[in-house]
Amino acid sequence: MFERATFMVKFAGAYRRSRRNGDEHGAALQAAAHDMFRPDRVHMPDAVSQMWRDPAAELALEGGRWFGDGTLAITEAHLGLLRSARLAWDGAERGAPMLDPDRPYGRTDLLTQLAEVFGTDDAEALGRHHVEMFCVVARALRHGSLAPGRYPLTNLRAADVRAALRGYGERSDEDLGLDRDGQVPVTEDHLQLLRGIEIRWPSEHECGDRLDAGRYPAATADPKRPYGDFTFIEVDMARILGVLPPPAQPPEGGPAIFEPSCELALRLQRLHWQMLGTMQVFLEQATLVPGTYGLHPEHP
């Protein structure tokens, strides 16, 4: 009886994830069934699973005031893995890019891939290296450099970008940040927003949810507050881009209200959708050399 209840809870979680990502009821049921019965479900050593659920004690960085803060020595091995990163889209809340929970660095055999990159078969050490990549992604976005321009996707296809964002209805390639050749036009606006994106490690609950579904916890942008402190993400986006309009003051007093024009609201919404392709080409092609990096460029 307990096993049946556990199965139903996991199945319901898989169904909710699919619905959140834009699947209709029937497709979500099929996706949930695939999650529960697929032959390629990952099975992690217990020690690695436990570490991923609560990695703070295993990866406390020097000078850090919270998990993920502090300095990290980024090596050629880290950077090589970063170039292999494959992104997906977290459809919760407002949505945000994340490392693909099925193959965060392009392969489904994650521990084997990490062993080849870092030269060890110690599962716990490999698990720590995977958590380190959360810190590497966060620092790459702050310290890496990429010139505006058109860039081809390497680890994703244009069709993958369209599929990942299908939950937002019928959108043009231009809305999603793809040109007619399937390349990604990167502008200064995109680069400014990338530097403001908040990268985090999934919560203990989210890690458990992914592991139960046979997937990997991995670095993700915060889908609720991807650019700062506001759940109305347009406020943070406009602040980062320097286009925050003067707040509207209610006639009877009270807090100021952010009221972007229709044109600005559409511009910000499209820029947010375009972060998937933009972050993908940035991780693939931005310049970053090995070294010790803090989370903020002013503290390298």
C-alpha atoms as a PDB file:
ATOM      1  CA  MET A   1       0.000   0.000   0.000  1.00  0.00           C
ATOM      2  CA  PHE A   2       2.809   2.409   0.913  1.00  0.00           C
ATOM      3  CA  GLU A   3       4.658   1.649  -2.330  1.00  0.00           C
ATOM      4  CA  ARG A   4       1.501   2.349  -4.338  1.00  0.00           C
ATOM      5  CA  ALA A   5       0.980   5.672  -2.559  1.00  0.00           C
ATOM      6  CA  THR A   6       4.625   6.617  -3.161  1.00  0.00           C
ATOM      7  CA  PHE A   7       4.271   5.792  -6.849  1.00  0.00           C
ATOM      8  CA  MET A   8       1.136   7.940  -7.156  1.00  0.00           C
ATOM      9  CA  VAL A   9       2.823  10.896  -5.461  1.00  0.00           C
ATOM     10  CA  LYS A  10       5.765  10.667  -7.862  1.00  0.00           C
ATOM     11  CA  PHE A  11       3.441  10.242 -10.848  1.00  0.00           C
ATOM     12  CA  ALA A  12       1.454  13.314  -9.796  1.00  0.00           C
ATOM     13  CA  GLY A  13       4.681  15.294  -9.503  1.00  0.00           C
ATOM     14  CA  ALA A  14       5.734  14.255 -13.010  1.00  0.00           C
ATOM     15  CA  TYR A  15       2.297  15.206 -14.337  1.00  0.00           C
ATOM     16  CA  ARG A  16       2.467  18.650 -12.722  1.00  0.00           C
ATOM     17  CA  ARG A  17       5.913  19.279 -14.215  1.00  0.00           C
ATOM     18  CA  SER A  18       4.641  18.481 -17.694  1.00  0.00           C
ATOM     19  CA  ARG A  19       1.583  20.695 -17.315  1.00  0.00           C
ATOM     20  CA  ARG A  20       3.774  23.503 -16.012  1.00  0.00           C
ATOM     21  CA  ASN A  21       5.924  23.184 -19.118  1.00  0.00           C
ATOM     22  CA  GLY A  22       2.927  23.655 -21.405  1.00  0.00           C
ATOM     23  CA  ASP A  23       1.683  20.118 -22.107  1.00  0.00           C
ATOM     24  CA  GLU A  24      -2.050  19.511 -22.434  1.00  0.00           C
ATOM     25  CA  HIS A  25      -3.692  16.948 -20.139  1.00  0.00           C
ATOM     26  CA  GLY A  26      -3.199  13.932 -22.410  1.00  0.00           C
ATOM     27  CA  ALA A  27       0.382  14.800 -23.284  1.00  0.00           C
ATOM     28  CA  ALA A  28       1.170  15.428 -19.611  1.00  0.00           C
ATOM     29  CA  LEU A  29      -0.178  11.992 -18.650  1.00  0.00           C
ATOM     30  CA  GLN A  30       1.949  10.388 -21.347  1.00  0.00           C
ATOM     31  CA  ALA A  31       5.038  12.324 -20.265  1.00  0.00           C
ATOM     32  CA  ALA A  32       4.469  11.362 -16.619  1.00  0.00           C
ATOM     33  CA  ALA A  33       4.151   7.700 -17.554  1.00  0.00           C
ATOM     34  CA  HIS A  34       7.360   7.967 -19.562  1.00  0.00           C
ATOM     35  CA  ASP A  35       9.124   9.513 -16.578  1.00  0.00           C
ATOM     36  CA  MET A  36       8.041   6.696 -14.293  1.00  0.00           C
ATOM     37  CA  PHE A  37       8.771   3.768 -16.593  1.00  0.00           C
ATOM     38  CA  ARG A  38      11.511   4.903 -18.950  1.00  0.00           C
ATOM     39  CA  PRO A  39      14.513   2.553 -19.051  1.00  0.00           C
ATOM     40  CA  ASP A  40      17.091   5.367 -18.876  1.00  0.00           C
ATOM     41  CA  ARG A  41      16.069   6.644 -15.438  1.00  0.00           C
ATOM     42  CA  VAL A  42      19.153   7.682 -13.504  1.00  0.00           C
ATOM     43  CA  HIS A  43      20.050   5.915 -10.281  1.00  0.00           C
ATOM     44  CA  MET A  44      22.481   7.812  -8.097  1.00  0.00           C
ATOM     45  CA  PRO A  45      24.474   6.431  -5.163  1.00  0.00           C
ATOM     46  CA  ASP A  46      22.677   7.353  -1.952  1.00  0.00           C
ATOM     47  CA  ALA A  47      25.562   9.527  -0.759  1.00  0.00           C
ATOM     48  CA  VAL A  48      25.434  11.592  -3.963  1.00  0.00           C
ATOM     49  CA  SER A  49      21.655  11.959  -3.829  1.00  0.00           C
ATOM     50  CA  GLN A  50      21.819  13.144  -0.235  1.00  0.00           C
ATOM     51  CA  MET A  51      24.580  15.618  -1.041  1.00  0.00           C
ATOM     52  CA  TRP A  52      22.617  17.079  -3.935  1.00  0.00           C
ATOM     53  CA  ARG A  53      19.530  17.523  -1.764  1.00  0.00           C
ATOM     54  CA  ASP A  54      21.518  19.626   0.728  1.00  0.00           C
ATOM     55  CA  PRO A  55      24.930  20.549  -0.704  1.00  0.00           C
ATOM     56  CA  ALA A  56      25.668  23.620   1.425  1.00  0.00           C
ATOM     57  CA  ALA A  57      27.887  21.779   3.917  1.00  0.00           C
ATOM     58  CA  GLU A  58      29.816  20.033   1.128  1.00  0.00           C
ATOM     59  CA  LEU A  59      30.593  23.150  -0.868  1.00  0.00           C
ATOM     60  CA  ALA A  60      31.172  26.137   1.374  1.00  0.00           C
ATOM     61  CA  LEU A  61      33.248  28.612  -0.631  1.00  0.00           C
ATOM     62  CA  GLU A  62      35.939  30.792   0.884  1.00  0.00           C
ATOM     63  CA  GLY A  63      34.556  34.138   1.991  1.00  0.00           C
ATOM     64  CA  GLY A  64      30.981  33.103   1.274  1.00  0.00           C
ATOM     65  CA  ARG A  65      28.145  34.537   3.323  1.00  0.00           C
ATOM     66  CA  TRP A  66      25.568  32.110   1.933  1.00  0.00           C
ATOM     67  CA  PHE A  67      25.541  28.977  -0.193  1.00  0.00           C
ATOM     68  CA  GLY A  68      26.902  29.901  -3.614  1.00  0.00           C
ATOM     69  CA  ASP A  69      28.656  33.064  -2.451  1.00  0.00           C
ATOM     70  CA  GLY A  70      32.438  33.305  -2.106  1.00  0.00           C
ATOM     71  CA  THR A  71      35.427  32.627  -4.345  1.00  0.00           C
ATOM     72  CA  LEU A  72      35.900  29.580  -6.554  1.00  0.00           C
ATOM     73  CA  ALA A  73      38.952  28.442  -8.517  1.00  0.00           C
ATOM     74  CA  ILE A  74      37.602  27.781 -12.014  1.00  0.00           C
ATOM     75  CA  THR A  75      39.771  25.335 -13.944  1.00  0.00           C
ATOM     76  CA  GLU A  76      40.096  24.270 -17.564  1.00  0.00           C
ATOM     77  CA  ALA A  77      38.049  21.199 -16.628  1.00  0.00           C
ATOM     78  CA  HIS A  78      35.198  23.384 -15.390  1.00  0.00           C
ATOM     79  CA  LEU A  79      35.342  25.525 -18.525  1.00  0.00           C
ATOM     80  CA  GLY A  80      35.377  22.516 -20.827  1.00  0.00           C
ATOM     81  CA  LEU A  81      32.257  21.197 -19.129  1.00  0.00           C
ATOM     82  CA  LEU A  82      30.662  24.636 -19.308  1.00  0.00           C
ATOM     83  CA  ARG A  83      31.110  24.653 -23.098  1.00  0.00           C
ATOM     84  CA  SER A  84      29.124  21.398 -23.205  1.00  0.00           C
ATOM     85  CA  ALA A  85      26.222  22.807 -21.178  1.00  0.00           C
ATOM     86  CA  ARG A  86      22.763  22.147 -22.535  1.00  0.00           C
ATOM     87  CA  LEU A  87      19.909  24.329 -21.333  1.00  0.00           C
ATOM     88  CA  ALA A  88      16.196  23.742 -20.938  1.00  0.00           C
ATOM     89  CA  TRP A  89      13.390  25.960 -19.638  1.00  0.00           C
ATOM     90  CA  ASP A  90      11.838  25.773 -16.181  1.00  0.00           C
ATOM     91  CA  GLY A  91       8.158  26.523 -16.763  1.00  0.00           C
ATOM     92  CA  ALA A  92       7.314  27.322 -13.132  1.00  0.00           C
ATOM     93  CA  GLU A  93       6.127  30.832 -12.241  1.00  0.00           C
ATOM     94  CA  ARG A  94       7.487  33.222 -14.913  1.00  0.00           C
ATOM     95  CA  GLY A  95       9.935  30.655 -16.258  1.00  0.00           C
ATOM     96  CA  ALA A  96      13.718  30.714 -16.581  1.00  0.00           C
ATOM     97  CA  PRO A  97      16.627  28.885 -18.222  1.00  0.00           C
ATOM     98  CA  MET A  98      18.117  25.903 -16.407  1.00  0.00           C
ATOM     99  CA  LEU A  99      20.651  23.195 -17.116  1.00  0.00           C
ATOM    100  CA  ASP A 100      18.757  20.353 -18.764  1.00  0.00           C
ATOM    101  CA  PRO A 101      17.847  17.913 -15.954  1.00  0.00           C
ATOM    102  CA  ASP A 102      18.105  14.970 -18.361  1.00  0.00           C
ATOM    103  CA  ARG A 103      21.558  15.850 -19.709  1.00  0.00           C
ATOM    104  CA  PRO A 104      22.997  18.998 -18.169  1.00  0.00           C
ATOM    105  CA  TYR A 105      26.230  18.774 -20.168  1.00  0.00           C
ATOM    106  CA  GLY A 106      24.831  17.054 -23.231  1.00  0.00           C
ATOM    107  CA  ARG A 107      25.053  13.437 -22.059  1.00  0.00           C
ATOM    108  CA  THR A 108      22.687  11.306 -20.012  1.00  0.00           C
ATOM    109  CA  ASP A 109      25.493   9.371 -18.267  1.00  0.00           C
ATOM    110  CA  LEU A 110      26.409  12.282 -16.019  1.00  0.00           C
ATOM    111  CA  LEU A 111      28.761  10.598 -13.539  1.00  0.00           C
ATOM    112  CA  THR A 112      30.662   8.870 -16.343  1.00  0.00           C
ATOM    113  CA  GLN A 113      31.009  12.184 -18.156  1.00  0.00           C
ATOM    114  CA  LEU A 114      32.204  13.918 -14.988  1.00  0.00           C
ATOM    115  CA  ALA A 115      34.703  11.111 -14.341  1.00  0.00           C
ATOM    116  CA  GLU A 116      36.203  11.644 -17.793  1.00  0.00           C
ATOM    117  CA  VAL A 117      36.441  15.403 -17.264  1.00  0.00           C
ATOM    118  CA  PHE A 118      37.829  15.429 -13.714  1.00  0.00           C
ATOM    119  CA  GLY A 119      39.884  12.223 -13.793  1.00  0.00           C
ATOM    120  CA  THR A 120      38.406  10.399 -10.807  1.00  0.00           C
ATOM    121  CA  ASP A 121      35.866   7.660 -10.235  1.00  0.00           C
ATOM    122  CA  ASP A 122      35.029   8.779  -6.687  1.00  0.00           C
ATOM    123  CA  ALA A 123      31.251   9.233  -6.909  1.00  0.00           C
ATOM    124  CA  GLU A 124      31.045  11.720  -4.044  1.00  0.00           C
ATOM    125  CA  ALA A 125      33.839  13.850  -5.525  1.00  0.00           C
ATOM    126  CA  LEU A 126      32.042  13.802  -8.869  1.00  0.00           C
ATOM    127  CA  GLY A 127      28.822  14.834  -7.163  1.00  0.00           C
ATOM    128  CA  ARG A 128      30.628  17.807  -5.632  1.00  0.00           C
ATOM    129  CA  HIS A 129      32.049  18.789  -9.016  1.00  0.00           C
ATOM    130  CA  HIS A 130      28.521  18.843 -10.421  1.00  0.00           C
ATOM    131  CA  VAL A 131      27.434  21.204  -7.640  1.00  0.00           C
ATOM    132  CA  GLU A 132      30.529  23.323  -8.331  1.00  0.00           C
ATOM    133  CA  MET A 133      29.199  23.837 -11.838  1.00  0.00           C
ATOM    134  CA  PHE A 134      26.286  25.772 -10.348  1.00  0.00           C
ATOM    135  CA  CYS A 135      28.889  28.217  -9.015  1.00  0.00           C
ATOM    136  CA  VAL A 136      30.761  28.174 -12.329  1.00  0.00           C
ATOM    137  CA  VAL A 137      27.634  29.062 -14.323  1.00  0.00           C
ATOM    138  CA  ALA A 138      26.829  31.938 -11.954  1.00  0.00           C
ATOM    139  CA  ARG A 139      30.352  33.340 -12.263  1.00  0.00           C
ATOM    140  CA  ALA A 140      30.580  32.822 -16.001  1.00  0.00           C
ATOM    141  CA  LEU A 141      27.509  35.004 -16.508  1.00  0.00           C
ATOM    142  CA  ARG A 142      29.048  37.775 -14.385  1.00  0.00           C
ATOM    143  CA  HIS A 143      32.683  37.595 -15.533  1.00  0.00           C
ATOM    144  CA  GLY A 144      32.539  36.122 -19.044  1.00  0.00           C
ATOM    145  CA  SER A 145      32.557  38.338 -22.120  1.00  0.00           C
ATOM    146  CA  LEU A 146      30.739  38.008 -25.423  1.00  0.00           C
ATOM    147  CA  ALA A 147      30.353  40.662 -28.091  1.00  0.00           C
ATOM    148  CA  PRO A 148      26.910  41.456 -29.489  1.00  0.00           C
ATOM    149  CA  GLY A 149      26.274  39.615 -32.738  1.00  0.00           C
ATOM    150  CA  ARG A 150      24.662  36.554 -34.328  1.00  0.00           C
ATOM    151  CA  TYR A 151      25.678  33.174 -32.947  1.00  0.00           C
ATOM    152  CA  PRO A 152      24.828  29.610 -33.971  1.00  0.00           C
ATOM    153  CA  LEU A 153      23.468  27.197 -31.401  1.00  0.00           C
ATOM    154  CA  THR A 154      25.744  24.209 -30.856  1.00  0.00           C
ATOM    155  CA  ASN A 155      24.354  22.161 -27.969  1.00  0.00           C
ATOM    156  CA  LEU A 156      20.710  22.957 -28.732  1.00  0.00           C
ATOM    157  CA  ARG A 157      18.767  23.184 -31.961  1.00  0.00           C
ATOM    158  CA  ALA A 158      16.373  25.969 -32.844  1.00  0.00           C
ATOM    159  CA  ALA A 159      13.628  23.331 -32.659  1.00  0.00           C
ATOM    160  CA  ASP A 160      14.613  22.624 -29.040  1.00  0.00           C
ATOM    161  CA  VAL A 161      14.183  26.302 -28.167  1.00  0.00           C
ATOM    162  CA  ARG A 162      10.736  26.350 -29.770  1.00  0.00           C
ATOM    163  CA  ALA A 163       9.714  23.165 -27.953  1.00  0.00           C
ATOM    164  CA  ALA A 164      10.989  24.407 -24.592  1.00  0.00           C
ATOM    165  CA  LEU A 165       8.884  27.578 -24.860  1.00  0.00           C
ATOM    166  CA  ARG A 166       5.749  25.991 -26.303  1.00  0.00           C
ATOM    167  CA  GLY A 167       3.862  26.688 -23.080  1.00  0.00           C
ATOM    168  CA  TYR A 168       3.600  30.368 -24.048  1.00  0.00           C
ATOM    169  CA  GLY A 169       1.412  29.707 -27.058  1.00  0.00           C
ATOM    170  CA  GLU A 170       2.123  30.377 -30.691  1.00  0.00           C
ATOM    171  CA  ARG A 171       5.195  32.573 -30.758  1.00  0.00           C
ATOM    172  CA  SER A 172       7.274  33.650 -33.711  1.00  0.00           C
ATOM    173  CA  ASP A 173      10.959  32.840 -33.957  1.00  0.00           C
ATOM    174  CA  GLU A 174      11.612  36.545 -33.517  1.00  0.00           C
ATOM    175  CA  ASP A 175       9.738  36.445 -30.194  1.00  0.00           C
ATOM    176  CA  LEU A 176      11.970  33.572 -29.074  1.00  0.00           C
ATOM    177  CA  GLY A 177      15.203  35.197 -30.208  1.00  0.00           C
ATOM    178  CA  LEU A 178      15.858  33.150 -33.352  1.00  0.00           C
ATOM    179  CA  ASP A 179      16.594  34.573 -36.782  1.00  0.00           C
ATOM    180  CA  ARG A 180      15.588  33.021 -40.098  1.00  0.00           C
ATOM    181  CA  ASP A 181      18.690  30.790 -40.070  1.00  0.00           C
ATOM    182  CA  GLY A 182      18.060  29.545 -36.538  1.00  0.00           C
ATOM    183  CA  GLN A 183      20.897  31.629 -35.133  1.00  0.00           C
ATOM    184  CA  VAL A 184      20.630  33.767 -32.005  1.00  0.00           C
ATOM    185  CA  PRO A 185      20.998  37.555 -32.306  1.00  0.00           C
ATOM    186  CA  VAL A 186      22.619  38.778 -29.080  1.00  0.00           C
ATOM    187  CA  THR A 187      22.274  42.452 -28.159  1.00  0.00           C
ATOM    188  CA  GLU A 188      23.559  44.629 -25.342  1.00  0.00           C
ATOM    189  CA  ASP A 189      20.113  44.323 -23.733  1.00  0.00           C
ATOM    190  CA  HIS A 190      20.461  40.538 -23.642  1.00  0.00           C
ATOM    191  CA  LEU A 191      23.955  40.741 -22.179  1.00  0.00           C
ATOM    192  CA  GLN A 192      22.899  43.189 -19.471  1.00  0.00           C
ATOM    193  CA  LEU A 193      20.047  40.917 -18.427  1.00  0.00           C
ATOM    194  CA  LEU A 194      22.303  37.854 -18.418  1.00  0.00           C
ATOM    195  CA  ARG A 195      24.585  39.542 -15.912  1.00  0.00           C
ATOM    196  CA  GLY A 196      21.599  40.205 -13.688  1.00  0.00           C
ATOM    197  CA  ILE A 197      20.167  36.678 -13.730  1.00  0.00           C
ATOM    198  CA  GLU A 198      20.114  34.934 -10.361  1.00  0.00           C
ATOM    199  CA  ILE A 199      21.522  31.388 -10.617  1.00  0.00           C
ATOM    200  CA  ARG A 200      20.697  28.986  -7.810  1.00  0.00           C
ATOM    201  CA  TRP A 201      20.819  25.323  -6.859  1.00  0.00           C
ATOM    202  CA  PRO A 202      17.378  23.664  -6.682  1.00  0.00           C
ATOM    203  CA  SER A 203      15.768  23.420  -3.264  1.00  0.00           C
ATOM    204  CA  GLU A 204      15.824  20.159  -1.329  1.00  0.00           C
ATOM    205  CA  HIS A 205      12.225  19.528  -2.413  1.00  0.00           C
ATOM    206  CA  GLU A 206      13.027  20.245  -6.061  1.00  0.00           C
ATOM    207  CA  CYS A 207      16.090  17.997  -5.939  1.00  0.00           C
ATOM    208  CA  GLY A 208      14.003  15.181  -4.512  1.00  0.00           C
ATOM    209  CA  ASP A 209      11.379  15.758  -7.187  1.00  0.00           C
ATOM    210  CA  ARG A 210      13.967  15.500  -9.951  1.00  0.00           C
ATOM    211  CA  LEU A 211      15.677  12.463  -8.495  1.00  0.00           C
ATOM    212  CA  ASP A 212      12.301  10.758  -8.076  1.00  0.00           C
ATOM    213  CA  ALA A 213      11.654  11.414 -11.762  1.00  0.00           C
ATOM    214  CA  GLY A 214      14.997   9.897 -12.727  1.00  0.00           C
ATOM    215  CA  ARG A 215      16.562  13.265 -13.550  1.00  0.00           C
ATOM    216  CA  TYR A 216      19.498  15.300 -12.301  1.00  0.00           C
ATOM    217  CA  PRO A 217      19.332  18.345 -10.040  1.00  0.00           C
ATOM    218  CA  ALA A 218      21.403  21.087 -11.664  1.00  0.00           C
ATOM    219  CA  ALA A 219      21.992  24.829 -11.779  1.00  0.00           C
ATOM    220  CA  THR A 220      18.956  26.908 -12.669  1.00  0.00           C
ATOM    221  CA  ALA A 221      17.874  30.509 -12.836  1.00  0.00           C
ATOM    222  CA  ASP A 222      15.171  31.359 -10.322  1.00  0.00           C
ATOM    223  CA  PRO A 223      11.876  31.065 -12.262  1.00  0.00           C
ATOM    224  CA  LYS A 224      10.021  33.228  -9.751  1.00  0.00           C
ATOM    225  CA  ARG A 225      12.505  36.092  -9.422  1.00  0.00           C
ATOM    226  CA  PRO A 226      15.066  35.574 -12.188  1.00  0.00           C
ATOM    227  CA  TYR A 227      16.491  39.099 -12.174  1.00  0.00           C
ATOM    228  CA  GLY A 228      16.247  40.269  -8.579  1.00  0.00           C
ATOM    229  CA  ASP A 229      13.747  40.679  -5.773  1.00  0.00           C
ATOM    230  CA  PHE A 230      10.470  41.277  -7.604  1.00  0.00           C
ATOM    231  CA  THR A 231       7.963  38.610  -8.638  1.00  0.00           C
ATOM    232  CA  PHE A 232       6.757  41.168 -11.207  1.00  0.00           C
ATOM    233  CA  ILE A 233       9.976  40.552 -13.093  1.00  0.00           C
ATOM    234  CA  GLU A 234       9.527  43.483 -15.458  1.00  0.00           C
ATOM    235  CA  VAL A 235      10.496  45.824 -12.604  1.00  0.00           C
ATOM    236  CA  ASP A 236      13.913  44.198 -12.227  1.00  0.00           C
ATOM    237  CA  MET A 237      14.388  43.906 -15.987  1.00  0.00           C
ATOM    238  CA  ALA A 238      13.605  47.585 -16.525  1.00  0.00           C
ATOM    239  CA  ARG A 239      15.940  48.517 -13.661  1.00  0.00           C
ATOM    240  CA  ILE A 240      18.802  46.487 -15.146  1.00  0.00           C
ATOM    241  CA  LEU A 241      18.262  48.012 -18.593  1.00  0.00           C
ATOM    242  CA  GLY A 242      17.945  51.542 -17.237  1.00  0.00           C
ATOM    243  CA  VAL A 243      14.422  52.017 -18.600  1.00  0.00           C
ATOM    244  CA  LEU A 244      12.441  51.924 -15.358  1.00  0.00           C
ATOM    245  CA  PRO A 245       9.677  54.525 -15.795  1.00  0.00           C
ATOM    246  CA  PRO A 246       8.757  56.904 -12.969  1.00  0.00           C
ATOM    247  CA  PRO A 247       6.398  55.108 -10.582  1.00  0.00           C
ATOM    248  CA  ALA A 248       2.737  56.023 -10.738  1.00  0.00           C
ATOM    249  CA  GLN A 249       1.454  57.446  -7.465  1.00  0.00           C
ATOM    250  CA  PRO A 250      -2.099  56.454  -6.489  1.00  0.00           C
ATOM    251  CA  PRO A 251      -4.215  59.576  -5.907  1.00  0.00           C
ATOM    252  CA  GLU A 252      -5.104  58.483  -2.369  1.00  0.00           C
ATOM    253  CA  GLY A 253      -1.505  57.734  -1.454  1.00  0.00           C
ATOM    254  CA  GLY A 254      -0.049  54.297  -0.833  1.00  0.00           C
ATOM    255  CA  PRO A 255       2.815  52.497  -2.557  1.00  0.00           C
ATOM    256  CA  ALA A 256       3.949  53.537  -6.005  1.00  0.00           C
ATOM    257  CA  ILE A 257       2.796  51.389  -8.924  1.00  0.00           C
ATOM    258  CA  PHE A 258       4.984  50.203 -11.797  1.00  0.00           C
ATOM    259  CA  GLU A 259       3.008  50.749 -14.989  1.00  0.00           C
ATOM    260  CA  PRO A 260       5.116  50.089 -18.095  1.00  0.00           C
ATOM    261  CA  SER A 261       3.784  51.124 -21.464  1.00  0.00           C
ATOM    262  CA  CYS A 262       2.415  48.352 -23.672  1.00  0.00           C
ATOM    263  CA  GLU A 263       5.474  48.730 -25.875  1.00  0.00           C
ATOM    264  CA  LEU A 264       7.894  48.377 -22.960  1.00  0.00           C
ATOM    265  CA  ALA A 265       5.966  45.454 -21.444  1.00  0.00           C
ATOM    266  CA  LEU A 266       6.099  43.557 -24.755  1.00  0.00           C
ATOM    267  CA  ARG A 267       9.785  44.333 -25.186  1.00  0.00           C
ATOM    268  CA  LEU A 268      10.591  42.997 -21.715  1.00  0.00           C
ATOM    269  CA  GLN A 269       8.470  39.869 -22.155  1.00  0.00           C
ATOM    270  CA  ARG A 270      10.188  39.007 -25.426  1.00  0.00           C
ATOM    271  CA  LEU A 271      13.621  39.632 -23.932  1.00  0.00           C
ATOM    272  CA  HIS A 272      12.771  37.225 -21.131  1.00  0.00           C
ATOM    273  CA  TRP A 273      11.793  34.447 -23.554  1.00  0.00           C
ATOM    274  CA  GLN A 274      14.975  35.134 -25.500  1.00  0.00           C
ATOM    275  CA  MET A 275      17.158  34.398 -22.472  1.00  0.00           C
ATOM    276  CA  LEU A 276      17.094  30.671 -23.265  1.00  0.00           C
ATOM    277  CA  GLY A 277      18.891  31.015 -26.583  1.00  0.00           C
ATOM    278  CA  THR A 278      21.042  33.886 -25.371  1.00  0.00           C
ATOM    279  CA  MET A 279      22.300  32.061 -22.295  1.00  0.00           C
ATOM    280  CA  GLN A 280      22.926  28.943 -24.366  1.00  0.00           C
ATOM    281  CA  VAL A 281      25.240  30.677 -26.833  1.00  0.00           C
ATOM    282  CA  PHE A 282      26.858  32.642 -23.995  1.00  0.00           C
ATOM    283  CA  LEU A 283      27.824  29.486 -22.098  1.00  0.00           C
ATOM    284  CA  GLU A 284      29.086  27.919 -25.311  1.00  0.00           C
ATOM    285  CA  GLN A 285      31.108  30.844 -26.630  1.00  0.00           C
ATOM    286  CA  ALA A 286      31.796  33.538 -24.022  1.00  0.00           C
ATOM    287  CA  THR A 287      35.419  34.193 -23.118  1.00  0.00           C
ATOM    288  CA  LEU A 288      36.442  33.228 -19.586  1.00  0.00           C
ATOM    289  CA  VAL A 289      39.920  32.141 -18.532  1.00  0.00           C
ATOM    290  CA  PRO A 290      40.819  29.864 -15.619  1.00  0.00           C
ATOM    291  CA  GLY A 291      41.224  31.718 -12.357  1.00  0.00           C
ATOM    292  CA  THR A 292      39.673  32.489  -9.001  1.00  0.00           C
ATOM    293  CA  TYR A 293      36.376  34.323  -9.226  1.00  0.00           C
ATOM    294  CA  GLY A 294      33.924  35.785  -6.771  1.00  0.00           C
ATOM    295  CA  LEU A 295      30.248  36.035  -7.468  1.00  0.00           C
ATOM    296  CA  HIS A 296      30.479  39.739  -8.259  1.00  0.00           C
ATOM    297  CA  PRO A 297      32.880  41.323 -10.781  1.00  0.00           C
ATOM    298  CA  GLU A 298      33.869  44.010  -8.288  1.00  0.00           C
ATOM    299  CA  HIS A 299      35.256  41.199  -6.089  1.00  0.00           C
ATOM    300  CA  PRO A 300      37.134  38.995  -8.594  1.00  0.00           C
END
